[in-house]
C-alpha atoms as a PDB file:
ATOM      1  CA  MET A   1      13.968  78.666  37.739  1.00  0.00           C
ATOM      2  CA  TRP A   2      12.884  79.820  34.279  1.00  0.00           C
ATOM      3  CA  LYS A   3      15.956  82.054  33.938  1.00  0.00           C
ATOM      4  CA  THR A   4      18.157  79.035  34.401  1.00  0.00           C
ATOM      5  CA  ALA A   5      16.126  77.305  31.696  1.00  0.00           C
ATOM      6  CA  GLU A   6      16.760  80.277  29.335  1.00  0.00           C
ATOM      7  CA  ILE A   7      20.510  80.065  29.944  1.00  0.00           C
ATOM      8  CA  LEU A   8      20.500  76.312  29.285  1.00  0.00           C
ATOM      9  CA  ILE A   9      18.543  76.804  26.060  1.00  0.00           C
ATOM     10  CA  LEU A  10      21.007  79.426  24.779  1.00  0.00           C
ATOM     11  CA  ARG A  11      24.035  77.303  25.714  1.00  0.00           C
ATOM     12  CA  HIS A  12      22.619  74.256  23.982  1.00  0.00           C
ATOM     13  CA  GLN A  13      21.913  76.267  20.836  1.00  0.00           C
ATOM     14  CA  LEU A  14      25.582  77.397  20.803  1.00  0.00           C
ATOM     15  CA  ILE A  15      26.628  73.760  21.055  1.00  0.00           C
ATOM     16  CA  VAL A  16      24.435  72.919  18.061  1.00  0.00           C
ATOM     17  CA  LEU A  17      25.867  75.817  16.012  1.00  0.00           C
ATOM     18  CA  GLN A  18      29.441  74.743  16.807  1.00  0.00           C
ATOM     19  CA  ARG A  19      28.873  71.374  15.191  1.00  0.00           C
ATOM     20  CA  ARG A  20      30.436  71.002  11.751  1.00  0.00           C
ATOM     21  CA  GLN A  21      27.466  70.907   9.453  1.00  0.00           C
ATOM     22  CA  PRO A  22      27.686  71.858   5.756  1.00  0.00           C
ATOM     23  CA  ARG A  23      24.264  73.430   5.650  1.00  0.00           C
ATOM     24  CA  ARG A  24      21.577  74.626   7.997  1.00  0.00           C
ATOM     25  CA  PRO A  25      21.982  73.236  11.520  1.00  0.00           C
ATOM     26  CA  LYS A  26      19.897  70.142  12.123  1.00  0.00           C
ATOM     27  CA  LEU A  27      18.480  69.132  15.466  1.00  0.00           C
ATOM     28  CA  ASN A  28      18.344  65.479  16.409  1.00  0.00           C
ATOM     29  CA  TRP A  29      15.734  63.921  18.721  1.00  0.00           C
ATOM     30  CA  ALA A  30      17.881  64.518  21.810  1.00  0.00           C
ATOM     31  CA  ASP A  31      18.158  68.224  20.976  1.00  0.00           C
ATOM     32  CA  ARG A  32      14.440  68.489  20.370  1.00  0.00           C
ATOM     33  CA  ALA A  33      13.561  66.697  23.620  1.00  0.00           C
ATOM     34  CA  LEU A  34      15.862  68.935  25.689  1.00  0.00           C
ATOM     35  CA  LEU A  35      14.634  72.185  24.133  1.00  0.00           C
ATOM     36  CA  ALA A  36      10.977  71.116  24.452  1.00  0.00           C
ATOM     37  CA  ALA A  37      11.448  70.206  28.129  1.00  0.00           C
ATOM     38  CA  LEU A  38      13.251  73.461  28.966  1.00  0.00           C
ATOM     39  CA  LEU A  39      10.765  75.617  27.055  1.00  0.00           C
ATOM     40  CA  GLY A  40       7.935  74.091  29.049  1.00  0.00           C
ATOM     41  CA  VAL A  41       9.406  75.702  32.192  1.00  0.00           C
ATOM     42  CA  ILE A  42       9.564  79.196  30.696  1.00  0.00           C
ATOM     43  CA  PRO A  43       6.392  81.340  30.928  1.00  0.00           C
ATOM     44  CA  LYS A  44       4.522  81.998  27.697  1.00  0.00           C
ATOM     45  CA  ALA A  45       5.178  85.754  27.959  1.00  0.00           C
ATOM     46  CA  ARG A  46       8.959  85.193  27.873  1.00  0.00           C
ATOM     47  CA  ARG A  47       8.971  82.713  24.992  1.00  0.00           C
ATOM     48  CA  GLN A  48       8.433  85.383  22.313  1.00  0.00           C
ATOM     49  CA  GLY A  49      11.556  87.277  23.414  1.00  0.00           C
ATOM     50  CA  LEU A  50      13.897  84.333  23.180  1.00  0.00           C
ATOM     51  CA  ARG A  51      16.386  84.026  20.331  1.00  0.00           C
ATOM     52  CA  LEU A  52      15.817  80.488  19.169  1.00  0.00           C
ATOM     53  CA  LEU A  53      16.924  78.470  16.155  1.00  0.00           C
ATOM     54  CA  VAL A  54      13.271  77.507  15.664  1.00  0.00           C
ATOM     55  CA  THR A  55       9.965  79.104  16.517  1.00  0.00           C
ATOM     56  CA  PRO A  56       8.232  78.406  19.845  1.00  0.00           C
ATOM     57  CA  ASP A  57       5.351  76.761  17.966  1.00  0.00           C
ATOM     58  CA  THR A  58       7.804  74.254  16.501  1.00  0.00           C
ATOM     59  CA  ILE A  59       9.077  73.354  19.968  1.00  0.00           C
ATOM     60  CA  VAL A  60       5.485  72.919  21.209  1.00  0.00           C
ATOM     61  CA  ARG A  61       4.850  70.602  18.254  1.00  0.00           C
ATOM     62  CA  TRP A  62       7.938  68.620  19.205  1.00  0.00           C
ATOM     63  CA  HIS A  63       6.587  68.269  22.724  1.00  0.00           C
ATOM     64  CA  ARG A  64       3.252  66.970  21.452  1.00  0.00           C
ATOM     65  CA  ASP A  65       5.083  64.531  19.196  1.00  0.00           C
ATOM     66  CA  ILE A  66       7.161  63.220  22.139  1.00  0.00           C
ATOM     67  CA  VAL A  67       3.998  62.701  24.218  1.00  0.00           C
ATOM     68  CA  ARG A  68       2.297  60.942  21.323  1.00  0.00           C
ATOM     69  CA  ARG A  69       5.259  58.609  20.807  1.00  0.00           C
ATOM     70  CA  ARG A  70       5.389  57.785  24.518  1.00  0.00           C
ATOM     71  CA  TRP A  71       1.719  56.756  24.636  1.00  0.00           C
ATOM     72  CA  ALA A  72       2.074  54.874  21.352  1.00  0.00           C
ATOM     73  CA  ALA A  73       4.957  52.887  22.833  1.00  0.00           C
ATOM     74  CA  ARG A  74       2.891  52.021  25.894  1.00  0.00           C
ATOM     75  CA  SER A  75      -0.015  50.947  23.704  1.00  0.00           C
ATOM     76  CA  ALA A  76       2.282  48.709  21.674  1.00  0.00           C
ATOM     77  CA  CYS A  77       3.331  46.944  24.888  1.00  0.00           C
ATOM     78  CA  GLY A  78      -0.336  46.181  25.666  1.00  0.00           C
ATOM     79  CA  ARG A  79      -0.509  48.385  28.723  1.00  0.00           C
ATOM     80  CA  THR A  80      -3.564  50.349  27.642  1.00  0.00           C
ATOM     81  CA  GLY A  81      -7.241  49.524  27.393  1.00  0.00           C
ATOM     82  CA  ARG A  82      -9.096  46.796  29.280  1.00  0.00           C
ATOM     83  CA  PRO A  83      -6.742  44.167  30.758  1.00  0.00           C
ATOM     84  CA  PRO A  84      -6.876  40.756  29.067  1.00  0.00           C
ATOM     85  CA  THR A  85      -8.847  37.886  30.587  1.00  0.00           C
ATOM     86  CA  ARG A  86      -6.724  35.545  32.670  1.00  0.00           C
ATOM     87  CA  ARG A  87      -5.556  32.382  30.943  1.00  0.00           C
ATOM     88  CA  ASN A  88      -7.148  30.025  33.449  1.00  0.00           C
ATOM     89  CA  ILE A  89     -10.526  31.719  32.894  1.00  0.00           C
ATOM     90  CA  GLN A  90     -10.102  31.398  29.122  1.00  0.00           C
ATOM     91  CA  ALA A  91      -9.279  27.711  29.514  1.00  0.00           C
ATOM     92  CA  LEU A  92     -12.371  27.208  31.697  1.00  0.00           C
ATOM     93  CA  VAL A  93     -14.600  28.935  29.121  1.00  0.00           C
ATOM     94  CA  ARG A  94     -13.283  26.680  26.354  1.00  0.00           C
ATOM     95  CA  ARG A  95     -13.729  23.609  28.570  1.00  0.00           C
ATOM     96  CA  LEU A  96     -17.369  24.439  29.328  1.00  0.00           C
ATOM     97  CA  ALA A  97     -18.049  24.988  25.626  1.00  0.00           C
ATOM     98  CA  ARG A  98     -16.350  21.704  24.715  1.00  0.00           C
ATOM     99  CA  GLU A  99     -18.123  19.610  27.345  1.00  0.00           C
ATOM    100  CA  ASN A 100     -21.525  21.230  26.723  1.00  0.00           C
ATOM    101  CA  PRO A 101     -22.038  21.674  22.962  1.00  0.00           C
ATOM    102  CA  GLY A 102     -25.557  23.037  23.447  1.00  0.00           C
ATOM    103  CA  TRP A 103     -24.480  25.968  25.636  1.00  0.00           C
ATOM    104  CA  GLY A 104     -24.166  29.480  24.235  1.00  0.00           C
ATOM    105  CA  TYR A 105     -22.036  32.276  25.638  1.00  0.00           C
ATOM    106  CA  ARG A 106     -24.872  33.473  27.905  1.00  0.00           C
ATOM    107  CA  ARG A 107     -25.277  30.030  29.467  1.00  0.00           C
ATOM    108  CA  ILE A 108     -21.502  29.724  29.975  1.00  0.00           C
ATOM    109  CA  HIS A 109     -21.405  33.218  31.510  1.00  0.00           C
ATOM    110  CA  GLY A 110     -24.150  32.233  33.958  1.00  0.00           C
ATOM    111  CA  GLU A 111     -22.304  29.056  34.936  1.00  0.00           C
ATOM    112  CA  LEU A 112     -19.126  31.042  35.571  1.00  0.00           C
ATOM    113  CA  ALA A 113     -21.067  33.520  37.702  1.00  0.00           C
ATOM    114  CA  GLY A 114     -22.403  30.597  39.750  1.00  0.00           C
ATOM    115  CA  LEU A 115     -18.821  29.474  40.338  1.00  0.00           C
ATOM    116  CA  GLY A 116     -17.840  32.949  41.520  1.00  0.00           C
ATOM    117  CA  VAL A 117     -15.781  33.766  38.418  1.00  0.00           C
ATOM    118  CA  LYS A 118     -16.215  37.430  37.549  1.00  0.00           C
ATOM    119  CA  VAL A 119     -16.077  37.950  33.794  1.00  0.00           C
ATOM    120  CA  ALA A 120     -18.200  39.911  31.361  1.00  0.00           C
ATOM    121  CA  ALA A 121     -20.525  38.154  28.912  1.00  0.00           C
ATOM    122  CA  SER A 122     -18.838  40.027  26.058  1.00  0.00           C
ATOM    123  CA  ALA A 123     -15.483  38.622  27.182  1.00  0.00           C
ATOM    124  CA  VAL A 124     -16.922  35.092  26.998  1.00  0.00           C
ATOM    125  CA  TRP A 125     -18.164  35.885  23.477  1.00  0.00           C
ATOM    126  CA  GLU A 126     -14.696  37.071  22.396  1.00  0.00           C
ATOM    127  CA  ILE A 127     -12.960  34.028  23.909  1.00  0.00           C
ATOM    128  CA  LEU A 128     -15.265  31.616  22.089  1.00  0.00           C
ATOM    129  CA  ARG A 129     -14.968  33.465  18.793  1.00  0.00           C
ATOM    130  CA  ALA A 130     -11.162  33.625  19.052  1.00  0.00           C
ATOM    131  CA  SER A 131     -11.136  29.855  19.698  1.00  0.00           C
ATOM    132  CA  GLY A 132     -13.186  29.146  16.586  1.00  0.00           C
ATOM    133  CA  ILE A 133     -16.307  28.190  18.566  1.00  0.00           C
ATOM    134  CA  ASP A 134     -19.736  29.543  17.681  1.00  0.00           C
ATOM    135  CA  PRO A 135     -20.746  31.767  20.650  1.00  0.00           C
ATOM    136  CA  GLY A 136     -24.444  31.284  19.901  1.00  0.00           C
ATOM    137  CA  ARG A 137     -26.482  28.420  21.275  1.00  0.00           C
ATOM    138  CA  ARG A 138     -25.935  25.240  19.298  1.00  0.00           C
ATOM    139  CA  GLN A 139     -28.863  22.852  18.966  1.00  0.00           C
ATOM    140  CA  THR A 140     -27.088  19.489  18.856  1.00  0.00           C
ATOM    141  CA  GLY A 141     -28.113  16.068  20.053  1.00  0.00           C
ATOM    142  CA  PRO A 142     -25.916  13.667  22.031  1.00  0.00           C
ATOM    143  CA  THR A 143     -23.288  11.633  20.248  1.00  0.00           C
ATOM    144  CA  TRP A 144     -23.541   7.837  20.095  1.00  0.00           C
ATOM    145  CA  SER A 145     -20.918   7.432  22.835  1.00  0.00           C
ATOM    146  CA  GLN A 146     -22.659   9.987  25.067  1.00  0.00           C
ATOM    147  CA  PHE A 147     -25.976   8.202  24.578  1.00  0.00           C
ATOM    148  CA  LEU A 148     -24.468   4.822  25.481  1.00  0.00           C
ATOM    149  CA  ARG A 149     -22.808   6.209  28.611  1.00  0.00           C
ATOM    150  CA  SER A 150     -26.027   7.854  29.786  1.00  0.00           C
ATOM    151  CA  GLN A 151     -28.041   4.664  29.185  1.00  0.00           C
ATOM    152  CA  ALA A 152     -25.352   2.175  30.261  1.00  0.00           C
ATOM    153  CA  GLU A 153     -27.255   1.020  33.361  1.00  0.00           C
ATOM    154  CA  ALA A 154     -30.092  -0.199  31.141  1.00  0.00           C
ATOM    155  CA  ILE A 155     -28.074  -1.869  28.346  1.00  0.00           C
ATOM    156  CA  LEU A 156     -26.972  -5.466  27.912  1.00  0.00           C
ATOM    157  CA  ALA A 157     -25.128  -6.854  24.901  1.00  0.00           C
ATOM    158  CA  CYS A 158     -24.830 -10.464  23.760  1.00  0.00           C
ATOM    159  CA  ASP A 159     -23.019 -12.326  21.037  1.00  0.00           C
ATOM    160  CA  PHE A 160     -21.919 -15.789  19.928  1.00  0.00           C
ATOM    161  CA  PHE A 161     -18.341 -16.852  19.312  1.00  0.00           C
ATOM    162  CA  THR A 162     -16.931 -20.201  18.284  1.00  0.00           C
ATOM    163  CA  VAL A 163     -14.187 -22.386  19.793  1.00  0.00           C
ATOM    164  CA  ASP A 164     -12.499 -25.290  17.983  1.00  0.00           C
ATOM    165  CA  LEU A 165     -12.002 -28.377  20.151  1.00  0.00           C
ATOM    166  CA  LEU A 166      -9.117 -30.804  19.907  1.00  0.00           C
ATOM    167  CA  ASP A 167     -11.190 -33.340  17.932  1.00  0.00           C
ATOM    168  CA  GLY A 168     -12.045 -30.738  15.274  1.00  0.00           C
ATOM    169  CA  THR A 169     -15.616 -30.002  16.346  1.00  0.00           C
ATOM    170  CA  GLN A 170     -16.780 -26.424  16.622  1.00  0.00           C
ATOM    171  CA  VAL A 171     -18.600 -25.254  19.732  1.00  0.00           C
ATOM    172  CA  TYR A 172     -20.731 -22.099  20.026  1.00  0.00           C
ATOM    173  CA  VAL A 173     -20.471 -19.955  23.158  1.00  0.00           C
ATOM    174  CA  LEU A 174     -23.125 -17.377  24.097  1.00  0.00           C
ATOM    175  CA  ALA A 175     -22.027 -14.536  26.402  1.00  0.00           C
ATOM    176  CA  VAL A 176     -23.774 -11.433  27.761  1.00  0.00           C
ATOM    177  CA  ILE A 177     -22.033  -8.322  29.099  1.00  0.00           C
ATOM    178  CA  GLU A 178     -23.412  -5.385  31.093  1.00  0.00           C
ATOM    179  CA  HIS A 179     -22.445  -2.006  29.645  1.00  0.00           C
ATOM    180  CA  ALA A 180     -22.378  -0.187  32.974  1.00  0.00           C
ATOM    181  CA  THR A 181     -20.381  -2.622  35.126  1.00  0.00           C
ATOM    182  CA  ARG A 182     -18.640  -4.667  32.362  1.00  0.00           C
ATOM    183  CA  ARG A 183     -19.772  -7.813  34.178  1.00  0.00           C
ATOM    184  CA  ILE A 184     -19.714 -10.842  31.900  1.00  0.00           C
ATOM    185  CA  ARG A 185     -22.064 -13.829  31.981  1.00  0.00           C
ATOM    186  CA  VAL A 186     -21.267 -16.923  29.929  1.00  0.00           C
ATOM    187  CA  LEU A 187     -24.749 -18.330  29.386  1.00  0.00           C
ATOM    188  CA  GLY A 188     -23.830 -21.645  27.818  1.00  0.00           C
ATOM    189  CA  ILE A 189     -22.040 -23.643  25.122  1.00  0.00           C
ATOM    190  CA  THR A 190     -23.565 -25.937  22.516  1.00  0.00           C
ATOM    191  CA  LEU A 191     -22.827 -27.714  19.277  1.00  0.00           C
ATOM    192  CA  HIS A 192     -26.163 -26.695  17.766  1.00  0.00           C
ATOM    193  CA  PRO A 193     -27.373 -23.187  18.691  1.00  0.00           C
ATOM    194  CA  THR A 194     -30.999 -23.609  17.728  1.00  0.00           C
ATOM    195  CA  GLY A 195     -33.664 -21.002  18.337  1.00  0.00           C
ATOM    196  CA  GLN A 196     -35.151 -23.060  21.160  1.00  0.00           C
ATOM    197  CA  TRP A 197     -31.780 -23.351  22.908  1.00  0.00           C
ATOM    198  CA  THR A 198     -31.129 -19.615  22.553  1.00  0.00           C
ATOM    199  CA  ALA A 199     -34.568 -18.761  23.971  1.00  0.00           C
ATOM    200  CA  GLN A 200     -33.881 -20.996  26.963  1.00  0.00           C
ATOM    201  CA  GLN A 201     -30.616 -19.135  27.600  1.00  0.00           C
ATOM    202  CA  ALA A 202     -32.609 -15.877  27.628  1.00  0.00           C
ATOM    203  CA  ARG A 203     -34.864 -17.331  30.340  1.00  0.00           C
ATOM    204  CA  ASN A 204     -31.799 -18.410  32.332  1.00  0.00           C
ATOM    205  CA  LEU A 205     -30.406 -14.885  32.008  1.00  0.00           C
ATOM    206  CA  LEU A 206     -33.577 -13.324  33.409  1.00  0.00           C
ATOM    207  CA  MET A 207     -33.498 -15.704  36.351  1.00  0.00           C
ATOM    208  CA  ASP A 208     -29.862 -14.845  36.974  1.00  0.00           C
ATOM    209  CA  LEU A 209     -30.555 -11.102  36.844  1.00  0.00           C
ATOM    210  CA  GLY A 210     -33.384 -11.344  39.359  1.00  0.00           C
ATOM    211  CA  GLU A 211     -34.608  -7.914  40.455  1.00  0.00           C
ATOM    212  CA  GLN A 212     -31.924  -6.269  38.331  1.00  0.00           C
ATOM    213  CA  ALA A 213     -33.924  -7.274  35.242  1.00  0.00           C
ATOM    214  CA  ASP A 214     -36.364  -4.430  35.990  1.00  0.00           C
ATOM    215  CA  GLN A 215     -33.545  -1.923  35.310  1.00  0.00           C
ATOM    216  CA  VAL A 216     -32.560  -3.394  31.956  1.00  0.00           C
ATOM    217  CA  LYS A 217     -34.322  -1.839  28.961  1.00  0.00           C
ATOM    218  CA  PHE A 218     -32.192  -2.780  25.925  1.00  0.00           C
ATOM    219  CA  MET A 219     -30.395  -5.849  24.604  1.00  0.00           C
ATOM    220  CA  ILE A 220     -27.944  -5.282  21.742  1.00  0.00           C
ATOM    221  CA  ARG A 221     -27.405  -8.233  19.408  1.00  0.00           C
ATOM    222  CA  ASP A 222     -26.453  -8.928  15.809  1.00  0.00           C
ATOM    223  CA  ARG A 223     -28.710 -10.246  13.049  1.00  0.00           C
ATOM    224  CA  GLY A 224     -27.426 -13.830  13.156  1.00  0.00           C
ATOM    225  CA  SER A 225     -29.818 -16.679  12.472  1.00  0.00           C
ATOM    226  CA  ASN A 226     -29.073 -18.086  15.941  1.00  0.00           C
ATOM    227  CA  PHE A 227     -31.285 -15.376  17.431  1.00  0.00           C
ATOM    228  CA  THR A 228     -34.906 -16.056  16.604  1.00  0.00           C
ATOM    229  CA  ALA A 229     -38.197 -14.359  17.377  1.00  0.00           C
ATOM    230  CA  ALA A 230     -38.552 -16.628  20.431  1.00  0.00           C
ATOM    231  CA  PHE A 231     -35.406 -15.078  21.940  1.00  0.00           C
ATOM    232  CA  ASP A 232     -36.774 -11.555  21.445  1.00  0.00           C
ATOM    233  CA  ALA A 233     -40.185 -12.576  22.810  1.00  0.00           C
ATOM    234  CA  VAL A 234     -38.698 -13.845  26.076  1.00  0.00           C
ATOM    235  CA  LEU A 235     -36.896 -10.542  26.581  1.00  0.00           C
ATOM    236  CA  ALA A 236     -39.938  -8.502  25.539  1.00  0.00           C
ATOM    237  CA  ASP A 237     -42.050 -10.185  28.202  1.00  0.00           C
ATOM    238  CA  ALA A 238     -39.569  -8.827  30.758  1.00  0.00           C
ATOM    239  CA  GLY A 239     -39.742  -5.307  29.282  1.00  0.00           C
ATOM    240  CA  ILE A 240     -36.407  -5.538  27.452  1.00  0.00           C
ATOM    241  CA  ARG A 241     -36.290  -4.191  23.911  1.00  0.00           C
ATOM    242  CA  THR A 242     -33.978  -5.850  21.376  1.00  0.00           C
ATOM    243  CA  VAL A 243     -31.717  -3.505  19.418  1.00  0.00           C
ATOM    244  CA  LEU A 244     -30.335  -4.994  16.202  1.00  0.00           C
ATOM    245  CA  CYS A 245     -26.906  -4.058  14.865  1.00  0.00           C
ATOM    246  CA  ASN A 246     -26.524  -2.982  11.283  1.00  0.00           C
ATOM    247  CA  ILE A 247     -25.169  -5.495   8.790  1.00  0.00           C
ATOM    248  CA  GLN A 248     -21.364  -5.867   9.013  1.00  0.00           C
ATOM    249  CA  THR A 249     -21.123  -3.183  11.705  1.00  0.00           C
ATOM    250  CA  PRO A 250     -19.352  -4.807  14.666  1.00  0.00           C
ATOM    251  CA  ARG A 251     -18.673  -1.412  16.245  1.00  0.00           C
ATOM    252  CA  MET A 252     -22.344  -1.144  17.178  1.00  0.00           C
ATOM    253  CA  ASN A 253     -21.666  -4.020  19.592  1.00  0.00           C
ATOM    254  CA  ALA A 254     -18.111  -2.983  20.357  1.00  0.00           C
ATOM    255  CA  ILE A 255     -18.102  -3.800  24.091  1.00  0.00           C
ATOM    256  CA  ALA A 256     -19.151  -7.418  23.540  1.00  0.00           C
ATOM    257  CA  GLU A 257     -16.802  -7.786  20.573  1.00  0.00           C
ATOM    258  CA  CYS A 258     -13.918  -6.418  22.656  1.00  0.00           C
ATOM    259  CA  TRP A 259     -14.491  -8.978  25.415  1.00  0.00           C
ATOM    260  CA  ILE A 260     -14.734 -11.825  22.901  1.00  0.00           C
ATOM    261  CA  GLY A 261     -11.446 -10.744  21.314  1.00  0.00           C
ATOM    262  CA  GLY A 262      -9.717 -10.710  24.692  1.00  0.00           C
ATOM    263  CA  CYS A 263     -11.163 -14.109  25.602  1.00  0.00           C
ATOM    264  CA  ARG A 264      -9.927 -15.599  22.329  1.00  0.00           C
ATOM    265  CA  ARG A 265      -6.401 -14.241  22.813  1.00  0.00           C
ATOM    266  CA  GLU A 266      -6.110 -15.489  26.402  1.00  0.00           C
ATOM    267  CA  LEU A 267      -7.838 -18.905  26.138  1.00  0.00           C
ATOM    268  CA  PRO A 268      -8.317 -20.675  22.771  1.00  0.00           C
ATOM    269  CA  ASP A 269      -5.230 -19.090  21.155  1.00  0.00           C
ATOM    270  CA  ARG A 270      -2.983 -20.246  24.016  1.00  0.00           C
ATOM    271  CA  THR A 271      -4.176 -23.739  24.900  1.00  0.00           C
ATOM    272  CA  LEU A 272      -5.659 -26.923  23.465  1.00  0.00           C
ATOM    273  CA  ILE A 273      -9.239 -27.513  24.570  1.00  0.00           C
ATOM    274  CA  TRP A 274     -10.105 -31.194  24.801  1.00  0.00           C
ATOM    275  CA  ASN A 275     -13.889 -31.290  25.040  1.00  0.00           C
ATOM    276  CA  GLN A 276     -16.963 -29.330  26.144  1.00  0.00           C
ATOM    277  CA  ALA A 277     -16.397 -30.126  29.819  1.00  0.00           C
ATOM    278  CA  HIS A 278     -12.873 -28.695  29.624  1.00  0.00           C
ATOM    279  CA  LEU A 279     -14.197 -25.603  27.833  1.00  0.00           C
ATOM    280  CA  ARG A 280     -16.914 -25.051  30.476  1.00  0.00           C
ATOM    281  CA  ARG A 281     -14.356 -25.303  33.274  1.00  0.00           C
ATOM    282  CA  ILE A 282     -11.884 -22.777  31.856  1.00  0.00           C
ATOM    283  CA  LEU A 283     -14.691 -20.412  30.818  1.00  0.00           C
ATOM    284  CA  ARG A 284     -16.071 -20.526  34.368  1.00  0.00           C
ATOM    285  CA  GLN A 285     -12.634 -19.673  35.742  1.00  0.00           C
ATOM    286  CA  TYR A 286     -12.099 -16.926  33.167  1.00  0.00           C
ATOM    287  CA  GLU A 287     -15.526 -15.443  33.953  1.00  0.00           C
ATOM    288  CA  ALA A 288     -14.656 -15.292  37.663  1.00  0.00           C
ATOM    289  CA  HIS A 289     -11.274 -13.736  36.854  1.00  0.00           C
ATOM    290  CA  HIS A 290     -12.867 -11.113  34.626  1.00  0.00           C
ATOM    291  CA  ASN A 291     -15.590 -10.140  37.100  1.00  0.00           C
ATOM    292  CA  GLN A 292     -13.616 -10.245  40.339  1.00  0.00           C
ATOM    293  CA  HIS A 293     -10.037  -9.378  39.418  1.00  0.00           C
ATOM    294  CA  ARG A 294      -9.634  -7.974  35.892  1.00  0.00           C
ATOM    295  CA  LEU A 295      -9.246  -4.193  35.942  1.00  0.00           C
ATOM    296  CA  HIS A 296     -11.099  -1.960  33.463  1.00  0.00           C
ATOM    297  CA  ARG A 297     -10.259   1.574  32.371  1.00  0.00           C
ATOM    298  CA  SER A 298     -13.953   2.425  32.010  1.00  0.00           C
ATOM    299  CA  LEU A 299     -14.363   1.582  35.732  1.00  0.00           C
ATOM    300  CA  HIS A 300     -11.328   3.672  36.739  1.00  0.00           C
ATOM    301  CA  SER A 301      -9.135   0.573  37.045  1.00  0.00           C
ATOM    302  CA  ALA A 302     -11.629  -1.330  39.227  1.00  0.00           C
ATOM    303  CA  ALA A 303     -13.051  -4.805  38.607  1.00  0.00           C
ATOM    304  CA  PRO A 304     -16.774  -5.270  37.837  1.00  0.00           C
ATOM    305  CA  LEU A 305     -17.528  -6.939  41.183  1.00  0.00           C
ATOM    306  CA  LYS A 306     -14.579  -5.680  43.242  1.00  0.00           C
ATOM    307  CA  PRO A 307     -13.812  -2.032  44.058  1.00  0.00           C
ATOM    308  CA  LEU A 308     -10.269  -0.737  44.333  1.00  0.00           C
ATOM    309  CA  PRO A 309      -8.661  -1.276  47.774  1.00  0.00           C
ATOM    310  CA  GLU A 310      -7.175   1.456  49.901  1.00  0.00           C
ATOM    311  CA  PRO A 311      -3.499   2.333  49.195  1.00  0.00           C
ATOM    312  CA  VAL A 312      -1.078   0.164  51.138  1.00  0.00           C
ATOM    313  CA  ASN A 313       2.576   0.336  52.128  1.00  0.00           C
ATOM    314  CA  LEU A 314       4.526  -2.330  50.247  1.00  0.00           C
ATOM    315  CA  ASP A 315       7.163  -2.343  52.993  1.00  0.00           C
ATOM    316  CA  GLN A 316       4.665  -4.265  55.141  1.00  0.00           C
ATOM    317  CA  TYR A 317       3.372  -6.684  52.481  1.00  0.00           C
ATOM    318  CA  ARG A 318       4.560  -8.791  49.608  1.00  0.00           C
ATOM    319  CA  ALA A 319       2.737  -9.870  46.449  1.00  0.00           C
ATOM    320  CA  ARG A 320       1.923 -13.561  46.007  1.00  0.00           C
ATOM    321  CA  LYS A 321       1.025 -15.055  42.631  1.00  0.00           C
ATOM    322  CA  HIS A 322      -2.053 -17.237  42.120  1.00  0.00           C
ATOM    323  CA  ALA A 323      -2.245 -19.083  38.796  1.00  0.00           C
ATOM    324  CA  HIS A 324      -5.569 -19.916  37.156  1.00  0.00           C
ATOM    325  CA  VAL A 325      -6.798 -21.611  33.971  1.00  0.00           C
ATOM    326  CA  GLY A 326      -3.826 -23.966  33.711  1.00  0.00           C
ATOM    327  CA  ASP A 327      -1.205 -21.322  34.631  1.00  0.00           C
ATOM    328  CA  MET A 328      -2.293 -19.111  31.724  1.00  0.00           C
ATOM    329  CA  ILE A 329      -3.701 -16.299  33.892  1.00  0.00           C
ATOM    330  CA  ASN A 330      -1.959 -14.922  36.962  1.00  0.00           C
ATOM    331  CA  GLU A 331      -3.559 -12.992  39.803  1.00  0.00           C
ATOM    332  CA  TYR A 332      -1.638 -11.293  42.599  1.00  0.00           C
ATOM    333  CA  ARG A 333      -2.664 -10.744  46.213  1.00  0.00           C
ATOM    334  CA  LEU A 334      -0.892  -9.077  49.114  1.00  0.00           C
ATOM    335  CA  VAL A 335       0.184 -11.165  52.072  1.00  0.00           C
ATOM    336  CA  ALA A 336       1.869 -10.027  55.284  1.00  0.00           C
END
């Protein structure tokens, strides 16, 4: 075996010497690789007796260089060291950090372990740091939206809005909305919203709530002069605390303001309202439409007082239109 290697080495050296080269023969990388591979087969005792163009130590150095380049190429392709964390695990780590700002990498690692995801705590640290997230525990309080969502069951919001009648008079409408269910209650309309009238509407609201009033803890309202101390006192007797909005900050009562804007666009902006009786009638119909049919994104497309039905096959039914509020609002129901 090694004798054949000697013959091949000598023949290859003759091929190199037969090349037309102006100076000393030069070996390219193919020549070096072949000579290094063949010399590795020959015993060390025979290497010193060979007639080579270079010394055996040079060929051994070539061999080491080839090995080094091979491992360097593999390292460049990312095939060495600890394998990278899977992308779905990285995405889950970032999601836990985003949804839980107060969690550090240790808390996230423990949650992953509880889910059966095997990953090192140091890997969680590296993922968070590479994503620009502080791996340490972050002492942060809830945001305003998070606070409202967590306390929605105990929050009501109220506000006045005005409607211009056909004869030019201006009527005030008082409405209350539940943050959790988005249910609306139109408490009343009046030409003169005095403090006594407003307090009486608070009493009517408590009677309408019934046992549900024990769950309500906050009432959000603005600082208008229509709300007096008597209004707050009626609510305080029922254990409801009044929360005042800042001056010129409608976003603090955004849910009530949003409903009022929608009511304006669908009723007063689209029809002529004759008198208070006409306004009461269309507001009663609009309240029923909002609570029993109008879908809300915050309720996952359900109505406040009506859950979503089971999926149906439209091949067996057809949709029938039902007009309300003088044909301004349409509702659709399935009929066989």
